[in-house]
Protein backbone atom coordinates (compact mmCIF):
# COMPACT_ATOMS: atom_id res chain seq x y z
CA MET A 1 142.22 139.55 121.09
CA PRO A 2 143.38 142.69 119.21
CA LYS A 3 141.15 145.76 119.55
CA VAL A 4 140.32 148.13 116.68
CA ALA A 5 138.35 151.37 116.72
CA ILE A 6 136.73 152.51 113.46
CA ILE A 7 136.27 156.29 113.28
CA GLY A 8 134.79 158.60 110.67
CA THR A 9 131.65 156.91 109.35
CA ARG A 10 127.99 157.33 110.24
CA GLY A 11 128.18 154.10 112.19
CA TYR A 12 127.34 150.41 112.07
CA PRO A 13 125.27 149.24 110.39
CA SER A 14 124.65 152.21 108.13
CA PHE A 15 123.41 152.30 104.54
CA TYR A 16 124.44 155.86 103.68
CA GLY A 17 127.49 155.65 101.40
CA GLY A 18 130.76 154.01 100.46
CA PHE A 19 132.51 154.23 103.84
CA GLU A 20 129.42 152.86 105.56
CA THR A 21 129.13 149.98 103.09
CA ALA A 22 132.79 149.11 103.66
CA VAL A 23 132.33 149.09 107.44
CA ARG A 24 129.20 146.91 107.14
CA LYS A 25 131.39 144.33 105.39
CA LEU A 26 134.61 144.84 107.34
CA ALA A 27 133.38 144.94 110.95
CA PRO A 28 131.89 141.41 111.03
CA TYR A 29 134.82 140.11 108.96
CA LEU A 30 137.24 141.37 111.60
CA ALA A 31 135.09 139.81 114.33
CA ASP A 32 135.33 136.50 112.46
CA GLN A 33 139.12 136.85 112.53
CA GLY A 34 139.16 137.29 116.31
CA TRP A 35 139.12 141.09 116.61
CA ASP A 36 137.34 143.16 119.26
CA VAL A 37 135.62 145.74 117.01
CA THR A 38 134.24 149.13 118.03
CA VAL A 39 132.58 151.39 115.45
CA TYR A 40 131.94 155.02 116.37
CA SER A 41 128.48 156.09 115.30
CA ARG A 42 126.08 158.98 115.08
CA ALA A 43 122.58 158.79 116.51
CA ARG A 44 120.74 156.16 114.47
CA ARG A 45 118.60 157.18 111.53
CA GLY A 46 117.26 154.39 109.38
CA PRO A 47 117.23 150.59 109.48
CA ASN A 48 119.16 148.52 112.00
CA SER A 49 118.87 145.29 110.02
CA GLY A 50 121.90 143.08 109.58
CA ALA A 51 123.73 144.20 112.74
CA ASP A 52 126.29 141.76 114.11
CA ARG A 53 126.05 141.57 117.91
CA ARG A 54 129.81 141.10 118.16
CA VAL A 55 130.37 144.63 116.77
CA ARG A 56 130.17 147.30 119.46
CA SER A 57 128.62 150.61 118.42
CA VAL A 58 129.52 153.73 120.40
CA ILE A 59 127.39 156.82 119.74
CA THR A 60 129.11 160.16 120.22
CA ARG A 61 127.86 163.72 119.87
CA GLY A 62 128.39 166.11 117.00
CA ILE A 63 126.93 168.97 115.01
CA GLU A 64 124.64 167.61 112.29
CA THR A 65 125.30 170.06 109.44
CA LYS A 66 126.80 169.62 105.98
CA SER A 67 130.04 171.40 106.87
CA LEU A 68 130.57 170.45 110.53
CA SER A 69 129.26 166.91 110.95
CA THR A 70 132.42 165.04 109.89
CA LEU A 71 134.73 167.27 111.91
CA SER A 72 132.63 167.35 115.08
CA TYR A 73 131.80 163.64 115.20
CA GLY A 74 135.38 162.79 114.30
CA PHE A 75 136.66 164.85 117.23
CA THR A 76 134.36 163.30 119.85
CA SER A 77 135.06 159.82 118.48
CA ALA A 78 138.84 160.34 118.57
CA VAL A 79 138.68 161.62 122.18
CA HIS A 80 136.63 158.61 123.29
CA ALA A 81 138.90 156.18 121.44
CA ALA A 82 142.01 157.79 122.93
CA ARG A 83 140.60 157.21 126.42
CA GLU A 84 139.91 153.54 125.64
CA LYS A 85 143.28 153.09 123.90
CA PRO A 86 142.60 150.30 121.35
CA ASP A 87 145.50 148.51 119.69
CA VAL A 88 144.88 150.31 116.39
CA ALA A 89 142.43 152.73 114.78
CA LEU A 90 140.96 152.74 111.29
CA VAL A 91 140.12 156.34 110.42
CA MET A 92 138.02 157.30 107.42
CA ASN A 93 138.38 160.66 105.62
CA VAL A 94 141.23 163.18 105.76
CA ALA A 95 138.94 165.68 107.51
CA ASN A 96 139.63 163.55 110.59
CA GLY A 97 143.35 164.03 110.10
CA PHE A 98 143.15 166.96 112.53
CA TRP A 99 142.42 164.51 115.36
CA LEU A 100 145.23 162.03 114.63
CA PRO A 101 147.59 163.73 117.17
CA ILE A 102 145.04 162.83 119.88
CA LEU A 103 145.42 159.15 119.02
CA LYS A 104 149.18 159.48 118.57
CA ALA A 105 149.53 160.96 122.07
CA ARG A 106 147.98 157.78 123.49
CA GLY A 107 150.14 155.48 121.38
CA VAL A 108 147.30 154.35 119.10
CA PRO A 109 148.56 153.76 115.53
CA ALA A 110 146.20 154.92 112.79
CA LEU A 111 145.41 153.47 109.38
CA VAL A 112 143.70 156.24 107.39
CA ASN A 113 141.52 155.81 104.30
CA VAL A 114 142.05 159.18 102.61
CA ASP A 115 138.90 158.90 100.45
CA GLY A 116 138.92 161.04 97.29
CA ILE A 117 140.50 164.40 96.57
CA GLU A 118 137.82 166.33 98.46
CA TRP A 119 139.31 169.75 97.71
CA ASP A 120 138.59 169.12 94.02
CA ARG A 121 134.85 168.64 94.58
CA GLU A 122 132.54 171.36 93.27
CA LYS A 123 130.08 170.91 96.14
CA TRP A 124 132.51 172.47 98.63
CA GLY A 125 133.16 176.19 98.90
CA LYS A 126 136.57 177.79 99.29
CA VAL A 127 136.66 177.47 103.09
CA ALA A 128 135.62 173.80 103.08
CA LYS A 129 138.17 172.97 100.39
CA GLY A 130 140.83 174.63 102.52
CA VAL A 131 139.77 172.58 105.54
CA PHE A 132 140.05 169.34 103.58
CA LYS A 133 143.46 170.30 102.19
CA SER A 134 144.69 171.15 105.70
CA GLY A 135 143.25 167.87 106.98
CA ALA A 136 145.18 166.08 104.26
CA ARG A 137 148.40 167.76 105.42
CA PHE A 138 147.71 166.63 108.99
CA THR A 139 147.00 163.14 107.70
CA ALA A 140 150.24 163.07 105.71
CA LYS A 141 152.17 164.07 108.84
CA TRP A 142 150.43 162.02 111.53
CA ALA A 143 148.97 158.88 109.94
CA ASP A 144 150.96 155.69 110.44
CA GLN A 145 149.72 154.20 107.16
CA LEU A 146 147.45 155.39 104.35
CA VAL A 147 144.85 153.56 102.29
CA PHE A 148 144.12 154.66 98.71
CA ASP A 149 141.02 153.20 97.05
CA ALA A 150 142.51 153.88 93.60
CA HIS A 151 146.02 153.93 92.18
CA GLU A 152 145.26 157.37 90.73
CA ILE A 153 144.60 158.68 94.26
CA GLY A 154 147.91 157.22 95.35
CA ARG A 155 149.70 159.09 92.56
CA ARG A 156 148.13 162.38 93.70
CA TRP A 157 149.28 161.82 97.28
CA ALA A 158 152.78 160.91 96.21
CA HIS A 159 152.99 164.09 94.14
CA GLU A 160 151.31 166.54 96.56
CA PHE A 161 152.29 165.14 99.98
CA ASP A 162 155.20 162.77 99.32
CA ARG A 163 153.38 159.89 101.03
CA ASP A 164 152.80 156.37 99.82
CA GLY A 165 150.30 153.83 101.10
CA VAL A 166 148.42 150.63 100.31
CA PHE A 167 145.84 150.15 97.57
CA ILE A 168 142.54 148.81 98.93
CA PRO A 169 139.49 149.49 96.72
CA TYR A 170 135.83 148.78 97.44
CA GLY A 171 134.11 145.49 96.77
CA GLY A 172 130.87 144.37 95.19
CA ASP A 173 128.30 141.68 95.91
CA ALA A 174 127.67 139.43 92.95
CA PRO A 175 124.07 138.12 93.12
CA SER A 176 124.04 134.34 93.41
CA SER A 177 121.10 134.13 91.00
CA ARG A 178 118.86 136.27 88.81
CA LEU A 179 116.88 138.58 91.08
CA PRO A 180 113.22 139.40 90.38
CA VAL A 181 112.73 142.59 88.42
CA VAL A 182 111.35 145.44 90.51
CA THR A 183 107.59 145.67 90.05
CA GLY A 184 106.59 147.79 87.08
CA LEU A 185 109.91 147.42 85.24
CA GLU A 186 111.17 145.12 82.49
CA ARG A 187 114.59 143.46 82.39
CA ARG A 188 116.99 145.47 80.22
CA GLY A 189 114.17 147.90 79.59
CA TYR A 190 115.17 150.95 81.63
CA ILE A 191 117.93 153.49 82.22
CA LEU A 192 119.26 153.73 85.78
CA VAL A 193 121.28 156.30 87.70
CA VAL A 194 122.40 155.81 91.32
CA ALA A 195 124.24 158.77 92.81
CA ARG A 196 124.34 161.46 95.42
CA PHE A 197 122.99 164.68 93.92
CA VAL A 198 126.15 166.77 93.61
CA PRO A 199 127.49 168.49 90.47
CA GLU A 200 130.65 166.38 90.20
CA ASN A 201 128.48 163.29 89.73
CA SER A 202 127.18 164.78 86.45
CA ILE A 203 123.63 164.84 87.78
CA PRO A 204 122.74 168.18 86.13
CA GLN A 205 123.97 166.88 82.77
CA PHE A 206 122.10 163.60 83.24
CA PHE A 207 118.87 165.45 83.98
CA ASP A 208 119.45 167.55 80.85
CA ALA A 209 119.94 164.30 78.90
CA VAL A 210 116.66 162.89 80.25
CA GLU A 211 114.88 165.89 78.72
CA LEU A 212 116.30 164.83 75.32
CA LEU A 213 115.33 161.16 75.53
CA PRO A 214 112.30 159.71 73.70
CA SER A 215 109.29 160.04 75.98
CA ASP A 216 108.56 156.29 75.95
CA LEU A 217 111.84 155.32 77.70
CA ARG A 218 111.82 154.32 81.36
CA VAL A 219 114.31 156.17 83.59
CA ILE A 220 114.85 155.25 87.24
CA ILE A 221 116.61 157.82 89.44
CA VAL A 222 118.05 156.66 92.78
CA GLY A 223 119.64 159.17 95.14
CA SER A 224 119.27 162.62 96.65
CA SER A 225 121.43 165.43 97.97
CA GLY A 226 120.64 164.51 101.57
CA TYR A 227 119.93 168.15 102.30
CA GLY A 228 117.28 169.07 99.73
CA GLY A 229 117.84 171.77 97.14
CA GLU A 230 117.73 172.44 93.42
CA LEU A 231 118.70 168.97 92.16
CA ASP A 232 116.19 167.22 94.42
CA GLU A 233 113.51 169.60 93.18
CA ARG A 234 114.47 168.90 89.58
CA ALA A 235 114.33 165.13 90.10
CA GLU A 236 110.86 165.48 91.56
CA LYS A 237 109.74 167.68 88.67
CA LEU A 238 111.08 165.21 86.07
CA SER A 239 109.21 162.36 87.75
CA GLN A 240 106.01 164.39 87.71
CA THR A 241 106.20 165.80 84.19
CA ARG A 242 108.07 163.20 82.12
CA PRO A 243 106.29 159.90 81.34
CA GLY A 244 108.35 156.91 82.40
CA VAL A 245 110.65 158.82 84.77
CA GLU A 246 110.57 157.66 88.41
CA TRP A 247 112.55 159.14 91.30
CA LEU A 248 113.01 156.67 94.18
CA GLY A 249 115.12 158.88 96.44
CA HIS A 250 117.63 157.13 98.69
CA VAL A 251 117.23 153.33 98.62
CA SER A 252 118.64 151.46 101.63
CA ASP A 253 117.31 148.02 100.60
CA ASP A 254 120.40 146.18 99.29
CA GLN A 255 118.37 143.56 97.43
CA LYS A 256 116.27 146.16 95.65
CA LEU A 257 119.38 148.05 94.58
CA LEU A 258 121.02 144.85 93.36
CA SER A 259 117.91 144.03 91.33
CA LEU A 260 117.85 147.52 89.81
CA TRP A 261 121.50 147.19 88.74
CA GLN A 262 121.26 143.55 87.60
CA ASN A 263 118.20 144.11 85.41
CA ALA A 264 118.97 147.61 84.07
CA GLY A 265 119.35 148.20 80.35
CA VAL A 266 121.93 150.92 80.97
CA TYR A 267 123.43 152.22 84.20
CA PHE A 268 124.80 155.77 83.92
CA HIS A 269 127.80 156.50 86.14
CA GLY A 270 128.74 160.17 86.05
CA HIS A 271 131.16 160.45 88.97
CA SER A 272 134.12 162.62 88.00
CA VAL A 273 136.22 162.82 91.19
CA GLY A 274 136.95 160.40 94.00
CA GLY A 275 138.63 157.12 93.29
CA THR A 276 137.19 153.64 93.09
CA ASN A 277 133.50 154.41 93.43
CA PRO A 278 131.49 151.88 95.48
CA ALA A 279 128.36 152.25 93.34
CA LEU A 280 130.33 151.57 90.16
CA VAL A 281 131.98 148.46 91.60
CA GLN A 282 128.61 147.16 92.79
CA ALA A 283 127.03 147.84 89.40
CA MET A 284 129.83 145.85 87.73
CA ALA A 285 129.44 142.92 90.12
CA ALA A 286 125.69 142.89 89.49
CA GLY A 287 126.20 142.89 85.73
CA ALA A 288 124.77 146.28 84.85
CA PRO A 289 125.61 147.46 81.30
CA THR A 290 127.39 150.70 82.10
CA LEU A 291 127.87 154.07 80.41
CA ALA A 292 130.46 156.02 82.42
CA ARG A 293 131.82 159.52 82.32
CA ASP A 294 135.32 159.38 80.86
CA THR A 295 137.71 160.05 83.76
CA PRO A 296 141.01 158.49 84.87
CA TYR A 297 139.26 157.04 87.93
CA ASN A 298 136.47 155.35 85.96
CA ARG A 299 138.92 154.03 83.38
CA GLU A 300 141.05 152.52 86.16
CA VAL A 301 138.01 150.63 87.46
CA LEU A 302 136.25 149.69 84.21
CA GLY A 303 139.21 149.23 81.88
CA ASP A 304 139.65 150.36 78.30
CA GLU A 305 136.88 148.21 76.81
CA ALA A 306 134.05 149.97 78.63
CA THR A 307 131.65 152.52 77.14
CA TYR A 308 132.40 156.16 78.00
CA THR A 309 130.91 159.59 77.42
CA SER A 310 131.80 163.22 77.96
CA PRO A 311 129.68 165.27 80.39
CA ASN A 312 127.60 166.60 77.50
CA ALA A 313 123.84 166.11 77.69
CA ALA A 314 123.36 165.42 73.98
CA GLU A 315 126.17 162.84 73.93
CA ILE A 316 124.89 161.18 77.11
CA ALA A 317 121.37 160.91 75.67
CA SER A 318 122.63 159.57 72.34
CA LYS A 319 124.84 156.88 73.93
CA LEU A 320 122.13 155.85 76.39
CA VAL A 321 119.69 155.25 73.54
CA LYS A 322 122.31 153.50 71.41
CA LEU A 323 123.28 151.04 74.15
CA LEU A 324 119.65 150.44 75.18
CA ASN A 325 118.84 149.50 71.56
CA ASP A 326 121.79 147.10 71.16
CA PRO A 327 121.06 143.86 73.10
CA ASP A 328 124.34 142.20 72.03
CA GLU A 329 126.46 145.09 73.26
CA MET A 330 124.41 145.31 76.46
CA GLU A 331 125.25 141.71 77.33
CA ALA A 332 128.91 142.05 76.28
CA ASN A 333 129.22 145.19 78.40
CA SER A 334 127.62 143.35 81.32
CA MET A 335 129.97 140.37 81.07
CA ARG A 336 133.10 142.55 80.84
CA GLY A 337 132.16 144.34 84.04
CA GLN A 338 131.37 141.14 85.91
CA ARG A 339 134.65 139.51 84.94
CA ARG A 340 136.63 142.56 86.05
CA ALA A 341 134.75 142.79 89.36
CA GLU A 342 135.41 139.12 90.10
CA ALA A 343 139.12 139.54 89.35
CA ILE A 344 139.80 142.71 91.36
CA TYR A 345 136.85 144.02 93.36
CA THR A 346 135.58 141.41 95.84
CA TRP A 347 134.78 142.06 99.50
CA GLU A 348 136.84 139.06 100.59
CA ARG A 349 139.92 140.59 98.97
CA VAL A 350 139.12 144.06 100.36
CA CYS A 351 138.50 142.92 103.94
CA SER A 352 141.57 140.69 104.08
CA SER A 353 143.70 143.61 102.86
CA TYR A 354 142.37 145.86 105.63
CA GLU A 355 142.98 143.19 108.26
CA ARG A 356 146.53 142.59 107.06
CA SER A 357 147.29 146.33 107.17
CA LEU A 358 145.83 146.69 110.68
CA ARG A 359 147.87 143.75 111.98
CA GLU A 360 151.04 145.19 110.44
CA LEU A 361 150.50 148.43 112.36
CA ILE A 362 150.09 146.55 115.64
CA ALA A 363 153.23 144.57 114.92
């Protein structure tokens, strides 16, 4: 039975973000294929529903701050994994590239998902961007194989670090049937945004656009910064002062999120950096009519027939209203996204690609 250690996420099962969603799908899949799976975790916060007893969770220590959590937990996880010496390690995030020599010294090959181009993100200061760039250099030197969740990310790595890798995006869950509309909402009758509250996700521009929308429109805001701050305060103020605006914060209920996407009139996706975004893929699989910020990453995922906007509040507001008032285009937009998700972005395809890459490293 081959042994794999998964390092660099908040743990299993976790409902925090894209890496965590991928591990929730991948860990039991690997167990089904005969793997002994260990996922390194932080102290649990939130629901423990859906855990597979075959997946071992090892909690290590770290410093729980915005700038040090990934590095500190990654270090303690890598040290523990090196002692146990699994057959292969799956490492998430180039910030953990600093610890790859620890695994290498013990003969543990590493498959590294590089995530997005973190040093391009506005949320990080100069020092943090430098840390991520240095981590990427370590990753380029020490990783046995790289995973890019978008072809555009692969092109950046080829240009900046002269490294290639395998393309493995994220997947989406297509609902097997029409889900009930969340209480208080109407199908195709509301605007939805699901995002972490950081500038590069166009959250400030979206909030500006909400101020320009007709007051009778329903707007559902899902997400938070995770650390409080100006954008969280603004979301709360909008929900208190604008009729029809509701801020739900972070939603960990998968079925509720699927219902929100499936029944939305328009889903706004403002992510500007990263690669294949998990929320966008899930929105497509659920059939959400989507208005996306025009970026190379979003175009790679959605294709040329999707509806795009610049990060301009007036344009965002105008296109949201236009799509919400065009039922035919809403349904056409929904069908295009679903077809593309079924063709490229399924969890079965994603998990089998990871397993194949892990086995190749062992071989």
